Amino acid sequence: NTMRAMVVHENNEDISVMRLEEVELPPPGEREVRVRVRAASTQFPDILMIQKKYQYQPELPYIPGTEFAGDIIDVGPGVSDWKVGDAVVAGMLGGGGLAEEVNVHEGALRRKPTPLTYGQACSFRSAYLTAQVALIRRADLQAGETLLVHGAAGGVG
């Protein structure tokens, strides 16, 4: 089974080292599902991994794309909570989302929120979790307090 994917063969400051290629994708393994990617986002960790500046570095060559959304098209052995046709979002530190299809461990999946498009859902995790950690865990924002957001140009403000 081949598919098209963006592949990084070398680390570089310039992210144009990504190349669109035909690659092989094995069948889903134990507790994995195959997702047909409908939308993927390029997050800050993706850029840092390409530049070899992130604390985790995938082995070269690799397919970037830490966050994506799509539909399950195949289910591997040992998967019980997911079925073909389920709309999902996923976050994988090692990437893989900048491809037509990707095998994902079932633990990395969440159901796509129905009101969100695939494009919105694929970047929701980073934006939401970054804001949640910053405002709730770090700033200890409480009910009744006022928050001024004075920069909202990116996905995480």
N, C-alpha and C. Protein backbone atom coordinates (compact mmCIF):
# COMPACT_ATOMS: atom_id res chain seq x y z
N ASN A 1 0.84 -1.18 0.00
CA ASN A 1 0.00 0.00 0.00
C ASN A 1 0.89 1.25 0.00
N THR A 2 0.83 2.04 -1.05
CA THR A 2 1.62 3.27 -1.10
C THR A 2 0.70 4.48 -0.98
N MET A 3 1.30 5.58 -0.58
CA MET A 3 0.57 6.83 -0.40
C MET A 3 1.55 7.97 -0.58
N ARG A 4 1.01 9.17 -0.69
CA ARG A 4 1.86 10.36 -0.75
C ARG A 4 2.02 10.93 0.66
N ALA A 5 3.25 11.41 0.93
CA ALA A 5 3.54 12.00 2.24
C ALA A 5 4.67 13.00 2.10
N MET A 6 4.70 13.96 2.99
CA MET A 6 5.83 14.88 3.09
C MET A 6 6.89 14.18 3.93
N VAL A 7 8.10 14.09 3.41
CA VAL A 7 9.17 13.33 4.08
C VAL A 7 10.36 14.24 4.33
N VAL A 8 10.92 14.13 5.53
CA VAL A 8 12.14 14.86 5.90
C VAL A 8 13.29 13.86 5.90
N HIS A 9 14.30 14.11 5.06
CA HIS A 9 15.48 13.24 4.99
C HIS A 9 16.68 13.84 5.71
N GLU A 10 16.64 15.15 5.98
CA GLU A 10 17.75 15.82 6.66
C GLU A 10 17.20 16.95 7.50
N ASN A 11 17.87 17.24 8.60
CA ASN A 11 17.49 18.36 9.43
C ASN A 11 18.11 19.63 8.87
N ASN A 12 17.34 20.73 8.92
CA ASN A 12 17.81 21.97 8.34
C ASN A 12 17.01 23.12 8.92
N GLU A 13 17.60 24.30 8.98
CA GLU A 13 16.87 25.50 9.41
C GLU A 13 15.72 25.81 8.47
N ASP A 14 15.89 25.50 7.20
CA ASP A 14 14.90 25.78 6.17
C ASP A 14 13.96 24.58 6.04
N ILE A 15 12.68 24.79 6.34
CA ILE A 15 11.75 23.65 6.32
C ILE A 15 11.44 23.17 4.91
N SER A 16 11.99 23.83 3.90
CA SER A 16 11.75 23.37 2.53
C SER A 16 12.46 22.05 2.24
N VAL A 17 13.14 21.48 3.24
CA VAL A 17 13.75 20.15 3.05
C VAL A 17 12.69 19.06 2.97
N MET A 18 11.44 19.38 3.32
CA MET A 18 10.36 18.40 3.18
C MET A 18 10.09 18.15 1.70
N ARG A 19 9.92 16.88 1.34
CA ARG A 19 9.66 16.52 -0.06
C ARG A 19 8.42 15.64 -0.13
N LEU A 20 7.59 15.89 -1.13
CA LEU A 20 6.42 15.04 -1.36
C LEU A 20 6.89 13.78 -2.07
N GLU A 21 6.61 12.62 -1.46
CA GLU A 21 7.10 11.35 -1.99
C GLU A 21 6.01 10.28 -1.89
N GLU A 22 6.17 9.23 -2.69
CA GLU A 22 5.36 8.01 -2.54
C GLU A 22 6.07 7.13 -1.53
N VAL A 23 5.36 6.72 -0.49
CA VAL A 23 5.95 5.88 0.55
C VAL A 23 5.06 4.68 0.83
N GLU A 24 5.65 3.65 1.38
CA GLU A 24 4.91 2.44 1.78
C GLU A 24 4.34 2.63 3.18
N LEU A 25 3.18 2.08 3.42
CA LEU A 25 2.58 2.09 4.74
C LEU A 25 2.18 0.67 5.09
N PRO A 26 2.78 0.10 6.15
CA PRO A 26 2.42 -1.26 6.53
C PRO A 26 1.00 -1.30 7.09
N PRO A 27 0.42 -2.50 7.18
CA PRO A 27 -0.91 -2.59 7.80
C PRO A 27 -0.84 -2.17 9.27
N PRO A 28 -1.96 -1.77 9.85
CA PRO A 28 -1.95 -1.38 11.26
C PRO A 28 -1.47 -2.53 12.14
N GLY A 29 -0.65 -2.20 13.12
CA GLY A 29 -0.14 -3.20 14.06
C GLY A 29 -1.08 -3.37 15.25
N GLU A 30 -0.59 -4.07 16.24
CA GLU A 30 -1.33 -4.32 17.48
C GLU A 30 -1.77 -2.99 18.10
N ARG A 31 -3.08 -2.86 18.35
CA ARG A 31 -3.70 -1.68 18.97
C ARG A 31 -3.52 -0.40 18.14
N GLU A 32 -3.37 -0.57 16.81
CA GLU A 32 -3.28 0.57 15.91
C GLU A 32 -4.48 0.61 14.97
N VAL A 33 -4.81 1.81 14.52
CA VAL A 33 -5.80 1.99 13.46
C VAL A 33 -5.14 2.76 12.33
N ARG A 34 -5.71 2.61 11.14
CA ARG A 34 -5.24 3.43 10.01
C ARG A 34 -6.25 4.56 9.81
N VAL A 35 -5.71 5.79 9.73
CA VAL A 35 -6.54 6.97 9.54
C VAL A 35 -6.27 7.56 8.17
N ARG A 36 -7.33 7.83 7.41
CA ARG A 36 -7.21 8.63 6.19
C ARG A 36 -7.24 10.08 6.65
N VAL A 37 -6.13 10.77 6.45
CA VAL A 37 -5.98 12.14 6.94
C VAL A 37 -6.81 13.08 6.08
N ARG A 38 -7.68 13.83 6.73
CA ARG A 38 -8.50 14.83 6.03
C ARG A 38 -7.92 16.23 6.20
N ALA A 39 -7.20 16.47 7.31
CA ALA A 39 -6.55 17.76 7.56
C ALA A 39 -5.42 17.54 8.56
N ALA A 40 -4.34 18.29 8.38
CA ALA A 40 -3.20 18.22 9.30
C ALA A 40 -2.70 19.63 9.55
N SER A 41 -2.16 19.85 10.73
CA SER A 41 -1.60 21.16 11.05
C SER A 41 -0.10 21.01 11.30
N THR A 42 0.62 22.05 10.97
CA THR A 42 2.05 22.08 11.27
C THR A 42 2.21 22.94 12.51
N GLN A 43 2.62 22.32 13.60
CA GLN A 43 2.76 23.01 14.87
C GLN A 43 4.22 23.37 15.13
N PHE A 44 4.44 24.21 16.13
CA PHE A 44 5.79 24.65 16.47
C PHE A 44 6.74 23.48 16.71
N PRO A 45 6.33 22.42 17.42
CA PRO A 45 7.25 21.27 17.57
C PRO A 45 7.66 20.65 16.24
N ASP A 46 6.76 20.64 15.24
CA ASP A 46 7.11 20.10 13.92
C ASP A 46 8.28 20.88 13.32
N ILE A 47 8.20 22.21 13.39
CA ILE A 47 9.26 23.06 12.84
C ILE A 47 10.56 22.82 13.60
N LEU A 48 10.47 22.78 14.93
CA LEU A 48 11.68 22.56 15.74
C LEU A 48 12.31 21.21 15.46
N MET A 49 11.51 20.17 15.22
CA MET A 49 12.07 18.85 14.90
C MET A 49 12.81 18.89 13.57
N ILE A 50 12.25 19.58 12.57
CA ILE A 50 12.92 19.69 11.28
C ILE A 50 14.26 20.41 11.45
N GLN A 51 14.29 21.41 12.34
CA GLN A 51 15.50 22.18 12.58
C GLN A 51 16.46 21.51 13.57
N LYS A 52 16.06 20.36 14.10
CA LYS A 52 16.83 19.61 15.11
C LYS A 52 17.04 20.44 16.38
N LYS A 53 15.97 21.11 16.80
CA LYS A 53 16.02 21.95 17.99
C LYS A 53 15.01 21.51 19.05
N TYR A 54 14.32 20.41 18.81
CA TYR A 54 13.31 19.95 19.76
C TYR A 54 13.90 18.88 20.64
N GLN A 55 13.39 18.74 21.86
CA GLN A 55 13.94 17.75 22.79
C GLN A 55 13.75 16.32 22.31
N TYR A 56 12.74 16.08 21.49
CA TYR A 56 12.55 14.76 20.90
C TYR A 56 12.86 14.87 19.41
N GLN A 57 13.67 13.95 18.90
CA GLN A 57 14.03 13.95 17.48
C GLN A 57 13.69 12.61 16.86
N PRO A 58 12.76 12.58 15.89
CA PRO A 58 12.48 11.33 15.19
C PRO A 58 13.68 10.91 14.36
N GLU A 59 13.78 9.62 14.14
CA GLU A 59 14.86 9.09 13.31
C GLU A 59 14.58 9.44 11.85
N LEU A 60 15.61 9.89 11.15
CA LEU A 60 15.49 10.23 9.72
C LEU A 60 15.46 8.97 8.88
N PRO A 61 14.77 8.94 7.77
CA PRO A 61 13.77 9.92 7.34
C PRO A 61 12.47 9.73 8.13
N TYR A 62 11.68 10.79 8.19
CA TYR A 62 10.39 10.69 8.89
C TYR A 62 9.36 11.60 8.23
N ILE A 63 8.11 11.36 8.59
CA ILE A 63 6.98 12.16 8.09
C ILE A 63 6.53 13.07 9.23
N PRO A 64 6.66 14.39 9.08
CA PRO A 64 6.20 15.29 10.14
C PRO A 64 4.67 15.33 10.21
N GLY A 65 4.18 16.12 11.15
CA GLY A 65 2.73 16.28 11.31
C GLY A 65 2.27 15.69 12.63
N THR A 66 2.47 16.45 13.71
CA THR A 66 2.14 15.94 15.04
C THR A 66 0.65 15.96 15.34
N GLU A 67 -0.13 16.75 14.59
CA GLU A 67 -1.57 16.80 14.83
C GLU A 67 -2.33 16.70 13.51
N PHE A 68 -3.38 15.88 13.53
CA PHE A 68 -4.17 15.67 12.31
C PHE A 68 -5.55 15.18 12.67
N ALA A 69 -6.44 15.24 11.69
CA ALA A 69 -7.81 14.76 11.86
C ALA A 69 -8.20 13.98 10.62
N GLY A 70 -9.02 12.96 10.81
CA GLY A 70 -9.43 12.15 9.67
C GLY A 70 -10.42 11.07 10.07
N ASP A 71 -10.53 10.07 9.21
CA ASP A 71 -11.48 8.98 9.41
C ASP A 71 -10.75 7.65 9.47
N ILE A 72 -11.16 6.79 10.39
CA ILE A 72 -10.56 5.46 10.49
C ILE A 72 -11.00 4.63 9.29
N ILE A 73 -10.00 4.03 8.60
CA ILE A 73 -10.30 3.20 7.43
C ILE A 73 -9.89 1.75 7.63
N ASP A 74 -9.17 1.44 8.71
CA ASP A 74 -8.78 0.06 9.01
C ASP A 74 -8.46 -0.04 10.49
N VAL A 75 -8.67 -1.20 11.06
CA VAL A 75 -8.44 -1.42 12.49
C VAL A 75 -7.55 -2.63 12.66
N GLY A 76 -6.48 -2.47 13.44
CA GLY A 76 -5.55 -3.57 13.69
C GLY A 76 -6.02 -4.46 14.82
N PRO A 77 -5.26 -5.53 15.07
CA PRO A 77 -5.62 -6.46 16.14
C PRO A 77 -5.58 -5.80 17.52
N GLY A 78 -6.50 -6.18 18.38
CA GLY A 78 -6.52 -5.70 19.76
C GLY A 78 -7.22 -4.37 19.96
N VAL A 79 -7.75 -3.77 18.91
CA VAL A 79 -8.46 -2.49 19.03
C VAL A 79 -9.93 -2.78 19.31
N SER A 80 -10.47 -2.19 20.39
CA SER A 80 -11.87 -2.47 20.72
C SER A 80 -12.74 -1.22 20.78
N ASP A 81 -12.16 -0.04 20.98
CA ASP A 81 -12.96 1.17 21.17
C ASP A 81 -13.19 1.97 19.89
N TRP A 82 -12.61 1.54 18.77
CA TRP A 82 -12.69 2.29 17.52
C TRP A 82 -13.14 1.39 16.40
N LYS A 83 -13.83 2.00 15.41
CA LYS A 83 -14.28 1.21 14.26
C LYS A 83 -14.09 2.02 12.98
N VAL A 84 -14.10 1.31 11.86
CA VAL A 84 -14.00 1.96 10.56
C VAL A 84 -15.12 2.99 10.44
N GLY A 85 -14.77 4.18 9.98
CA GLY A 85 -15.74 5.26 9.82
C GLY A 85 -15.72 6.29 10.92
N ASP A 86 -15.12 5.97 12.08
CA ASP A 86 -15.06 6.94 13.17
C ASP A 86 -14.23 8.15 12.75
N ALA A 87 -14.73 9.35 13.04
CA ALA A 87 -14.00 10.59 12.80
C ALA A 87 -13.16 10.89 14.03
N VAL A 88 -11.85 11.09 13.84
CA VAL A 88 -10.93 11.21 14.96
C VAL A 88 -9.98 12.39 14.79
N VAL A 89 -9.41 12.81 15.92
CA VAL A 89 -8.26 13.70 15.93
C VAL A 89 -7.15 12.96 16.66
N ALA A 90 -5.92 13.28 16.32
CA ALA A 90 -4.80 12.59 16.95
C ALA A 90 -3.63 13.54 17.12
N GLY A 91 -2.85 13.26 18.13
CA GLY A 91 -1.59 13.95 18.35
C GLY A 91 -0.52 12.91 18.57
N MET A 92 0.53 12.98 17.74
CA MET A 92 1.62 11.99 17.85
C MET A 92 2.94 12.74 17.85
N LEU A 93 3.71 12.59 18.91
CA LEU A 93 4.98 13.30 19.03
C LEU A 93 5.91 13.00 17.87
N GLY A 94 5.91 11.79 17.38
CA GLY A 94 6.81 11.43 16.28
C GLY A 94 6.34 11.89 14.93
N GLY A 95 5.15 12.47 14.84
CA GLY A 95 4.64 12.95 13.56
C GLY A 95 3.92 11.87 12.79
N GLY A 96 3.81 12.08 11.49
CA GLY A 96 3.13 11.14 10.61
C GLY A 96 1.90 11.70 9.95
N GLY A 97 1.41 12.85 10.42
CA GLY A 97 0.16 13.40 9.92
C GLY A 97 0.21 14.07 8.57
N LEU A 98 1.41 14.43 8.09
CA LEU A 98 1.51 15.06 6.78
C LEU A 98 1.59 14.00 5.70
N ALA A 99 0.56 13.15 5.68
CA ALA A 99 0.48 12.03 4.75
C ALA A 99 -0.99 11.78 4.43
N GLU A 100 -1.22 11.02 3.38
CA GLU A 100 -2.60 10.69 3.03
C GLU A 100 -3.22 9.75 4.06
N GLU A 101 -2.41 8.85 4.61
CA GLU A 101 -2.87 7.90 5.62
C GLU A 101 -1.77 7.73 6.66
N VAL A 102 -2.17 7.34 7.87
CA VAL A 102 -1.19 7.13 8.93
C VAL A 102 -1.72 6.06 9.88
N ASN A 103 -0.82 5.20 10.37
CA ASN A 103 -1.17 4.24 11.41
C ASN A 103 -0.95 4.91 12.76
N VAL A 104 -1.95 4.80 13.63
CA VAL A 104 -1.93 5.50 14.90
C VAL A 104 -2.28 4.53 16.02
N HIS A 105 -1.54 4.59 17.13
CA HIS A 105 -1.89 3.81 18.32
C HIS A 105 -3.23 4.34 18.84
N GLU A 106 -4.10 3.44 19.24
CA GLU A 106 -5.44 3.84 19.67
C GLU A 106 -5.42 4.83 20.84
N GLY A 107 -4.37 4.81 21.65
CA GLY A 107 -4.27 5.72 22.79
C GLY A 107 -4.03 7.17 22.39
N ALA A 108 -3.61 7.41 21.15
CA ALA A 108 -3.35 8.77 20.68
C ALA A 108 -4.58 9.40 20.04
N LEU A 109 -5.68 8.66 19.99
CA LEU A 109 -6.89 9.13 19.30
C LEU A 109 -7.90 9.74 20.26
N ARG A 110 -8.63 10.72 19.75
CA ARG A 110 -9.81 11.27 20.41
C ARG A 110 -10.88 11.43 19.34
N ARG A 111 -12.12 11.37 19.75
CA ARG A 111 -13.21 11.58 18.79
C ARG A 111 -13.21 13.04 18.34
N LYS A 112 -13.40 13.25 17.05
CA LYS A 112 -13.45 14.62 16.53
C LYS A 112 -14.72 15.27 17.05
N PRO A 113 -14.60 16.45 17.67
CA PRO A 113 -15.80 17.15 18.11
C PRO A 113 -16.70 17.44 16.91
N THR A 114 -17.95 17.05 16.99
CA THR A 114 -18.89 17.16 15.86
C THR A 114 -19.00 18.56 15.29
N PRO A 115 -19.05 19.62 16.12
CA PRO A 115 -19.22 20.95 15.52
C PRO A 115 -18.00 21.45 14.75
N LEU A 116 -16.85 20.85 14.95
CA LEU A 116 -15.63 21.32 14.31
C LEU A 116 -15.43 20.67 12.94
N THR A 117 -14.93 21.45 11.99
CA THR A 117 -14.51 20.87 10.72
C THR A 117 -13.23 20.08 10.96
N TYR A 118 -12.82 19.29 10.00
CA TYR A 118 -11.55 18.57 10.13
C TYR A 118 -10.39 19.56 10.24
N GLY A 119 -10.46 20.66 9.48
CA GLY A 119 -9.42 21.68 9.54
C GLY A 119 -9.32 22.33 10.90
N GLN A 120 -10.44 22.60 11.54
CA GLN A 120 -10.43 23.18 12.88
C GLN A 120 -9.95 22.15 13.90
N ALA A 121 -10.43 20.93 13.77
CA ALA A 121 -10.13 19.89 14.75
C ALA A 121 -8.65 19.52 14.77
N CYS A 122 -7.98 19.59 13.61
CA CYS A 122 -6.59 19.12 13.57
C CYS A 122 -5.65 20.00 14.36
N SER A 123 -6.01 21.25 14.63
CA SER A 123 -5.12 22.11 15.41
C SER A 123 -5.71 22.46 16.77
N PHE A 124 -6.85 21.90 17.08
CA PHE A 124 -7.55 22.21 18.32
C PHE A 124 -6.76 21.78 19.56
N ARG A 125 -6.12 20.61 19.49
CA ARG A 125 -5.43 20.07 20.67
C ARG A 125 -4.34 21.01 21.17
N SER A 126 -3.45 21.45 20.29
CA SER A 126 -2.36 22.34 20.71
C SER A 126 -2.88 23.65 21.26
N ALA A 127 -3.80 24.27 20.52
CA ALA A 127 -4.32 25.56 20.95
C ALA A 127 -5.04 25.43 22.29
N TYR A 128 -5.89 24.44 22.41
CA TYR A 128 -6.65 24.26 23.64
C TYR A 128 -5.74 23.90 24.81
N LEU A 129 -4.88 22.92 24.63
CA LEU A 129 -4.04 22.47 25.74
C LEU A 129 -3.05 23.54 26.17
N THR A 130 -2.50 24.30 25.23
CA THR A 130 -1.58 25.38 25.59
C THR A 130 -2.30 26.43 26.42
N ALA A 131 -3.48 26.84 25.98
CA ALA A 131 -4.26 27.82 26.73
C ALA A 131 -4.68 27.27 28.08
N GLN A 132 -5.10 26.03 28.12
CA GLN A 132 -5.55 25.42 29.38
C GLN A 132 -4.41 25.36 30.40
N VAL A 133 -3.24 24.92 29.97
CA VAL A 133 -2.09 24.85 30.88
C VAL A 133 -1.70 26.25 31.35
N ALA A 134 -1.62 27.20 30.42
CA ALA A 134 -1.20 28.56 30.76
C ALA A 134 -2.18 29.24 31.72
N LEU A 135 -3.47 29.16 31.41
CA LEU A 135 -4.45 29.91 32.18
C LEU A 135 -4.91 29.22 33.45
N ILE A 136 -5.09 27.92 33.40
CA ILE A 136 -5.63 27.21 34.56
C ILE A 136 -4.52 26.71 35.48
N ARG A 137 -3.53 26.04 34.92
CA ARG A 137 -2.48 25.47 35.76
C ARG A 137 -1.43 26.49 36.19
N ARG A 138 -0.99 27.34 35.28
CA ARG A 138 0.08 28.29 35.59
C ARG A 138 -0.44 29.59 36.21
N ALA A 139 -1.40 30.23 35.55
CA ALA A 139 -1.91 31.52 36.03
C ALA A 139 -2.97 31.34 37.12
N ASP A 140 -3.49 30.13 37.29
CA ASP A 140 -4.51 29.83 38.28
C ASP A 140 -5.73 30.75 38.12
N LEU A 141 -6.15 30.94 36.88
CA LEU A 141 -7.31 31.78 36.58
C LEU A 141 -8.55 31.21 37.27
N GLN A 142 -9.28 32.10 37.93
CA GLN A 142 -10.46 31.69 38.70
C GLN A 142 -11.72 32.31 38.11
N ALA A 143 -12.85 31.68 38.38
CA ALA A 143 -14.15 32.21 37.94
C ALA A 143 -14.31 33.63 38.47
N GLY A 144 -14.80 34.53 37.63
CA GLY A 144 -15.02 35.92 38.02
C GLY A 144 -13.85 36.83 37.72
N GLU A 145 -12.68 36.27 37.44
CA GLU A 145 -11.52 37.10 37.08
C GLU A 145 -11.61 37.50 35.61
N THR A 146 -10.96 38.61 35.28
CA THR A 146 -10.94 39.11 33.90
C THR A 146 -9.58 38.85 33.29
N LEU A 147 -9.59 38.43 32.03
CA LEU A 147 -8.36 38.15 31.31
C LEU A 147 -8.33 38.98 30.04
N LEU A 148 -7.22 39.69 29.81
CA LEU A 148 -7.04 40.45 28.58
C LEU A 148 -6.07 39.69 27.68
N VAL A 149 -6.52 39.31 26.49
CA VAL A 149 -5.66 38.68 25.50
C VAL A 149 -5.30 39.76 24.50
N HIS A 150 -4.03 40.15 24.46
CA HIS A 150 -3.63 41.26 23.59
C HIS A 150 -2.83 40.81 22.38
N GLY A 151 -2.80 39.55 22.11
CA GLY A 151 -2.14 39.03 20.92
C GLY A 151 -2.77 37.71 20.55
N ALA A 152 -3.43 37.66 19.43
CA ALA A 152 -4.11 36.42 19.04
C ALA A 152 -3.87 36.13 17.56
N ALA A 153 -2.62 36.30 17.14
CA ALA A 153 -2.31 36.13 15.72
C ALA A 153 -2.06 34.68 15.34
N GLY A 154 -1.77 33.83 16.31
CA GLY A 154 -1.47 32.43 16.01
C GLY A 154 -2.47 31.51 16.67
N GLY A 155 -2.25 30.23 16.48
CA GLY A 155 -3.16 29.24 17.04
C GLY A 155 -3.17 29.20 18.55
N VAL A 156 -2.10 29.68 19.19
CA VAL A 156 -2.05 29.67 20.65
C VAL A 156 -1.99 31.08 21.23
N GLY A 157 -2.28 32.11 20.43
CA GLY A 157 -2.41 33.49 20.91
C GLY A 157 -1.15 34.18 21.28
